C-alpha atoms as a PDB file:
ATOM      1  CA  UNK A   1       9.969   0.368 -19.458  1.00  0.00           C
ATOM      2  CA  UNK A   2       8.136   2.611 -21.910  1.00  0.00           C
ATOM      3  CA  UNK A   3       7.605   1.872 -25.563  1.00  0.00           C
ATOM      4  CA  UNK A   4       7.667   4.132 -28.609  1.00  0.00           C
ATOM      5  CA  UNK A   5       4.327   5.820 -29.112  1.00  0.00           C
ATOM      6  CA  UNK A   6       2.466   5.455 -32.420  1.00  0.00           C
ATOM      7  CA  UNK A   7       3.401   8.371 -34.647  1.00  0.00           C
ATOM      8  CA  UNK A   8       0.768  10.826 -35.798  1.00  0.00           C
ATOM      9  CA  UNK A   9       0.056  10.197 -39.452  1.00  0.00           C
ATOM     10  CA  UNK A  10       1.563   6.690 -39.355  1.00  0.00           C
ATOM     11  CA  UNK A  11      -0.288   3.387 -39.453  1.00  0.00           C
ATOM     12  CA  UNK A  12      -1.352   1.955 -36.119  1.00  0.00           C
ATOM     13  CA  UNK A  13       0.433  -1.357 -35.504  1.00  0.00           C
ATOM     14  CA  UNK A  14      -1.664  -4.498 -35.763  1.00  0.00           C
ATOM     15  CA  UNK A  15      -2.525  -6.374 -32.583  1.00  0.00           C
ATOM     16  CA  UNK A  16      -4.298  -9.551 -31.529  1.00  0.00           C
ATOM     17  CA  UNK A  17      -7.075  -9.977 -28.976  1.00  0.00           C
ATOM     18  CA  UNK A  18      -9.963 -12.286 -28.155  1.00  0.00           C
ATOM     19  CA  UNK A  19     -13.602 -11.532 -28.889  1.00  0.00           C
ATOM     20  CA  UNK A  20     -16.178 -12.229 -26.192  1.00  0.00           C
ATOM     21  CA  UNK A  21     -17.378 -15.292 -28.123  1.00  0.00           C
ATOM     22  CA  UNK A  22     -13.870 -16.750 -27.639  1.00  0.00           C
ATOM     23  CA  UNK A  23     -12.735 -16.269 -31.233  1.00  0.00           C
ATOM     24  CA  UNK A  24      -9.405 -14.669 -32.021  1.00  0.00           C
ATOM     25  CA  UNK A  25      -9.209 -11.358 -33.804  1.00  0.00           C
ATOM     26  CA  UNK A  26      -6.376  -9.410 -35.309  1.00  0.00           C
ATOM     27  CA  UNK A  27      -6.809  -5.688 -35.742  1.00  0.00           C
ATOM     28  CA  UNK A  28      -5.002  -4.871 -38.961  1.00  0.00           C
ATOM     29  CA  UNK A  29      -6.800  -1.788 -40.118  1.00  0.00           C
ATOM     30  CA  UNK A  30      -9.919   0.281 -40.219  1.00  0.00           C
ATOM     31  CA  UNK A  31     -11.537  -1.262 -43.317  1.00  0.00           C
ATOM     32  CA  UNK A  32     -11.777   2.149 -44.938  1.00  0.00           C
ATOM     33  CA  UNK A  33     -13.757   3.833 -42.140  1.00  0.00           C
ATOM     34  CA  UNK A  34     -12.949   6.244 -39.367  1.00  0.00           C
ATOM     35  CA  UNK A  35     -12.259   4.283 -36.208  1.00  0.00           C
ATOM     36  CA  UNK A  36     -12.317   4.888 -32.451  1.00  0.00           C
ATOM     37  CA  UNK A  37     -10.139   2.462 -30.497  1.00  0.00           C
ATOM     38  CA  UNK A  38     -10.354   2.656 -26.706  1.00  0.00           C
ATOM     39  CA  UNK A  39      -7.993   0.669 -24.496  1.00  0.00           C
ATOM     40  CA  UNK A  40      -9.193   0.362 -20.916  1.00  0.00           C
ATOM     41  CA  UNK A  41      -7.434  -0.854 -17.796  1.00  0.00           C
ATOM     42  CA  UNK A  42      -9.846  -3.674 -16.967  1.00  0.00           C
ATOM     43  CA  UNK A  43     -12.579  -4.825 -14.633  1.00  0.00           C
ATOM     44  CA  UNK A  44     -10.764  -3.496 -11.568  1.00  0.00           C
ATOM     45  CA  UNK A  45     -10.978   0.139 -12.745  1.00  0.00           C
ATOM     46  CA  UNK A  46     -13.989   2.186 -11.679  1.00  0.00           C
ATOM     47  CA  UNK A  47     -12.899   5.143 -13.802  1.00  0.00           C
ATOM     48  CA  UNK A  48     -12.885   2.886 -16.872  1.00  0.00           C
ATOM     49  CA  UNK A  49     -16.464   1.826 -16.158  1.00  0.00           C
ATOM     50  CA  UNK A  50     -17.538   5.473 -15.958  1.00  0.00           C
ATOM     51  CA  UNK A  51     -15.740   6.259 -19.234  1.00  0.00           C
ATOM     52  CA  UNK A  52     -17.144   3.236 -21.050  1.00  0.00           C
ATOM     53  CA  UNK A  53     -20.654   3.940 -19.753  1.00  0.00           C
ATOM     54  CA  UNK A  54     -20.369   7.408 -21.298  1.00  0.00           C
ATOM     55  CA  UNK A  55     -19.122   5.862 -24.547  1.00  0.00           C
ATOM     56  CA  UNK A  56     -22.114   3.513 -24.515  1.00  0.00           C
ATOM     57  CA  UNK A  57     -24.460   6.494 -24.155  1.00  0.00           C
ATOM     58  CA  UNK A  58     -22.679   8.327 -27.012  1.00  0.00           C
ATOM     59  CA  UNK A  59     -22.200   5.329 -29.265  1.00  0.00           C
ATOM     60  CA  UNK A  60     -24.927   6.430 -31.693  1.00  0.00           C
ATOM     61  CA  UNK A  61     -23.340   9.861 -32.068  1.00  0.00           C
ATOM     62  CA  UNK A  62     -19.942   8.309 -32.831  1.00  0.00           C
ATOM     63  CA  UNK A  63     -21.492   5.959 -35.381  1.00  0.00           C
ATOM     64  CA  UNK A  64     -23.485   8.833 -36.938  1.00  0.00           C
ATOM     65  CA  UNK A  65     -20.174  10.674 -37.351  1.00  0.00           C
ATOM     66  CA  UNK A  66     -18.879   7.684 -39.348  1.00  0.00           C
ATOM     67  CA  UNK A  67     -16.867   5.829 -36.716  1.00  0.00           C
ATOM     68  CA  UNK A  68     -16.573   2.132 -36.030  1.00  0.00           C
ATOM     69  CA  UNK A  69     -15.688   1.431 -32.381  1.00  0.00           C
ATOM     70  CA  UNK A  70     -13.563  -1.193 -30.674  1.00  0.00           C
ATOM     71  CA  UNK A  71     -12.843  -1.322 -26.947  1.00  0.00           C
ATOM     72  CA  UNK A  72     -10.095  -3.639 -25.699  1.00  0.00           C
ATOM     73  CA  UNK A  73      -8.312  -4.613 -22.470  1.00  0.00           C
ATOM     74  CA  UNK A  74      -5.812  -7.141 -21.205  1.00  0.00           C
ATOM     75  CA  UNK A  75      -8.460  -8.749 -18.998  1.00  0.00           C
ATOM     76  CA  UNK A  76      -9.252 -12.432 -19.446  1.00  0.00           C
ATOM     77  CA  UNK A  77     -12.517 -13.210 -21.196  1.00  0.00           C
ATOM     78  CA  UNK A  78     -14.393 -14.007 -17.955  1.00  0.00           C
ATOM     79  CA  UNK A  79     -13.777 -10.526 -16.533  1.00  0.00           C
ATOM     80  CA  UNK A  80     -14.659  -8.786 -19.795  1.00  0.00           C
ATOM     81  CA  UNK A  81     -17.890 -10.789 -20.133  1.00  0.00           C
ATOM     82  CA  UNK A  82     -18.788  -9.993 -16.535  1.00  0.00           C
ATOM     83  CA  UNK A  83     -18.457  -6.249 -17.190  1.00  0.00           C
ATOM     84  CA  UNK A  84     -20.514  -6.450 -20.376  1.00  0.00           C
ATOM     85  CA  UNK A  85     -23.247  -8.343 -18.541  1.00  0.00           C
ATOM     86  CA  UNK A  86     -23.225  -5.894 -15.632  1.00  0.00           C
ATOM     87  CA  UNK A  87     -23.143  -2.680 -17.662  1.00  0.00           C
ATOM     88  CA  UNK A  88     -24.885  -3.726 -20.874  1.00  0.00           C
ATOM     89  CA  UNK A  89     -22.208  -2.376 -23.198  1.00  0.00           C
ATOM     90  CA  UNK A  90     -23.095  -2.973 -26.840  1.00  0.00           C
ATOM     91  CA  UNK A  91     -19.983  -1.698 -28.627  1.00  0.00           C
ATOM     92  CA  UNK A  92     -17.472  -4.214 -29.963  1.00  0.00           C
ATOM     93  CA  UNK A  93     -15.235  -5.353 -27.136  1.00  0.00           C
ATOM     94  CA  UNK A  94     -12.184  -7.579 -27.049  1.00  0.00           C
ATOM     95  CA  UNK A  95      -9.892  -8.808 -24.304  1.00  0.00           C
ATOM     96  CA  UNK A  96      -6.670 -10.737 -23.632  1.00  0.00           C
ATOM     97  CA  UNK A  97      -4.520  -7.994 -25.167  1.00  0.00           C
ATOM     98  CA  UNK A  98      -0.986  -9.234 -24.566  1.00  0.00           C
ATOM     99  CA  UNK A  99       1.677  -7.168 -22.850  1.00  0.00           C
ATOM    100  CA  UNK A 100       3.724  -7.309 -26.059  1.00  0.00           C
ATOM    101  CA  UNK A 101       0.820  -5.801 -28.021  1.00  0.00           C
ATOM    102  CA  UNK A 102       0.208  -3.212 -25.288  1.00  0.00           C
ATOM    103  CA  UNK A 103       3.796  -2.102 -25.734  1.00  0.00           C
ATOM    104  CA  UNK A 104       3.535  -2.238 -29.545  1.00  0.00           C
ATOM    105  CA  UNK A 105       0.645   0.250 -29.267  1.00  0.00           C
ATOM    106  CA  UNK A 106       2.814   2.502 -27.114  1.00  0.00           C
ATOM    107  CA  UNK A 107       0.670   2.035 -24.019  1.00  0.00           C
ATOM    108  CA  UNK A 108       1.956   2.352 -20.486  1.00  0.00           C
ATOM    109  CA  UNK A 109       1.844  -0.954 -18.628  1.00  0.00           C
ATOM    110  CA  UNK A 110       1.341  -1.200 -14.861  1.00  0.00           C
ATOM    111  CA  UNK A 111       1.746  -3.866 -12.241  1.00  0.00           C
ATOM    112  CA  UNK A 112      -1.183  -4.309  -9.849  1.00  0.00           C
ATOM    113  CA  UNK A 113      -0.724  -2.476  -6.549  1.00  0.00           C
ATOM    114  CA  UNK A 114      -2.280  -5.364  -4.613  1.00  0.00           C
ATOM    115  CA  UNK A 115      -3.594  -8.843  -5.438  1.00  0.00           C
ATOM    116  CA  UNK A 116      -7.089  -7.437  -4.808  1.00  0.00           C
ATOM    117  CA  UNK A 117      -6.690  -4.956  -7.688  1.00  0.00           C
ATOM    118  CA  UNK A 118      -6.034  -7.583 -10.369  1.00  0.00           C
ATOM    119  CA  UNK A 119      -3.837 -10.601 -10.974  1.00  0.00           C
ATOM    120  CA  UNK A 120      -1.804  -9.437 -13.974  1.00  0.00           C
ATOM    121  CA  UNK A 121      -0.117  -6.484 -15.614  1.00  0.00           C
ATOM    122  CA  UNK A 122      -2.524  -4.215 -17.462  1.00  0.00           C
ATOM    123  CA  UNK A 123      -2.494  -1.381 -19.965  1.00  0.00           C
ATOM    124  CA  UNK A 124      -3.167   2.133 -18.810  1.00  0.00           C
ATOM    125  CA  UNK A 125      -5.777   4.015 -20.886  1.00  0.00           C
ATOM    126  CA  UNK A 126      -5.307   4.768 -24.540  1.00  0.00           C
ATOM    127  CA  UNK A 127      -7.667   6.354 -27.043  1.00  0.00           C
ATOM    128  CA  UNK A 128      -6.909   6.353 -30.752  1.00  0.00           C
ATOM    129  CA  UNK A 129      -8.838   8.007 -33.573  1.00  0.00           C
ATOM    130  CA  UNK A 130      -7.804   6.415 -36.831  1.00  0.00           C
ATOM    131  CA  UNK A 131      -8.344   7.659 -40.345  1.00  0.00           C
ATOM    132  CA  UNK A 132      -9.901   5.396 -42.991  1.00  0.00           C
ATOM    133  CA  UNK A 133      -6.370   4.559 -44.204  1.00  0.00           C
ATOM    134  CA  UNK A 134      -5.518   3.268 -40.664  1.00  0.00           C
ATOM    135  CA  UNK A 135      -3.223   6.181 -39.883  1.00  0.00           C
ATOM    136  CA  UNK A 136      -3.277   7.820 -36.464  1.00  0.00           C
ATOM    137  CA  UNK A 137      -5.204  11.090 -36.355  1.00  0.00           C
ATOM    138  CA  UNK A 138      -5.296  11.258 -32.532  1.00  0.00           C
ATOM    139  CA  UNK A 139      -3.292   9.247 -29.998  1.00  0.00           C
ATOM    140  CA  UNK A 140      -4.138   9.959 -26.376  1.00  0.00           C
ATOM    141  CA  UNK A 141      -2.020   7.707 -24.202  1.00  0.00           C
ATOM    142  CA  UNK A 142      -2.139   8.056 -20.416  1.00  0.00           C
ATOM    143  CA  UNK A 143       0.054   6.649 -17.677  1.00  0.00           C
ATOM    144  CA  UNK A 144      -2.823   6.564 -15.190  1.00  0.00           C
ATOM    145  CA  UNK A 145      -6.600   6.259 -14.913  1.00  0.00           C
ATOM    146  CA  UNK A 146      -7.365   9.936 -14.320  1.00  0.00           C
ATOM    147  CA  UNK A 147      -6.260  11.371 -17.668  1.00  0.00           C
ATOM    148  CA  UNK A 148      -8.358  10.568 -20.738  1.00  0.00           C
ATOM    149  CA  UNK A 149      -9.856  12.709 -23.486  1.00  0.00           C
ATOM    150  CA  UNK A 150     -13.376  13.930 -22.854  1.00  0.00           C
ATOM    151  CA  UNK A 151     -15.567  11.994 -25.284  1.00  0.00           C
ATOM    152  CA  UNK A 152     -17.833  14.983 -26.081  1.00  0.00           C
ATOM    153  CA  UNK A 153     -14.871  17.210 -26.911  1.00  0.00           C
ATOM    154  CA  UNK A 154     -13.144  14.467 -28.859  1.00  0.00           C
ATOM    155  CA  UNK A 155     -16.226  13.773 -30.969  1.00  0.00           C
ATOM    156  CA  UNK A 156     -16.731  17.490 -31.626  1.00  0.00           C
ATOM    157  CA  UNK A 157     -13.103  17.845 -32.657  1.00  0.00           C
ATOM    158  CA  UNK A 158     -13.208  14.789 -34.874  1.00  0.00           C
ATOM    159  CA  UNK A 159     -16.401  15.996 -36.589  1.00  0.00           C
ATOM    160  CA  UNK A 160     -14.593  19.282 -37.348  1.00  0.00           C
ATOM    161  CA  UNK A 161     -11.523  17.385 -38.546  1.00  0.00           C
ATOM    162  CA  UNK A 162     -13.573  15.243 -40.916  1.00  0.00           C
ATOM    163  CA  UNK A 163     -15.717  18.131 -42.188  1.00  0.00           C
ATOM    164  CA  UNK A 164     -12.664  20.283 -42.951  1.00  0.00           C
ATOM    165  CA  UNK A 165     -10.346  17.425 -44.007  1.00  0.00           C
ATOM    166  CA  UNK A 166      -7.714  18.375 -41.431  1.00  0.00           C
ATOM    167  CA  UNK A 167      -4.454  16.411 -41.397  1.00  0.00           C
ATOM    168  CA  UNK A 168      -2.958  14.712 -38.345  1.00  0.00           C
ATOM    169  CA  UNK A 169      -1.048  17.156 -36.147  1.00  0.00           C
ATOM    170  CA  UNK A 170       2.130  16.752 -34.128  1.00  0.00           C
ATOM    171  CA  UNK A 171       4.123  15.254 -36.957  1.00  0.00           C
ATOM    172  CA  UNK A 172       7.056  17.648 -36.687  1.00  0.00           C
END
């Protein structure tokens, strides 16, 4: 079952997750800043680790371009904390994204292929660049781990978009 995708130029739906300190959070907007939201599959995904390691290395560039960053998955807090400890990620990270919120964000949801992969349904990758008014500038939603926007290209494109005040595309 697929869900409607967030519309370009429309507000991203709010969603709830858990911070690594165990507190609840609700994402309801960008607080007037540009925002990079990355949804990753979870601890079981090696491609996610590679992608998030690259994001960690580029984090300063994204922040210099004016972006706040949040990374989120459907993993339980123990798995998310384990990854942060292993890889040393310093960006904001949240977990326990519910299947209902995955669908609200228009993400593809998969069942594990084996019990060794993971023990619950999980979101496939999603990357959202949000304008300061919380509207979707870029929505890159994948149905599998191998298709995600290149972070260098995305940052370059977003810097151009901001510099030239380009509107969201794909609204027709």
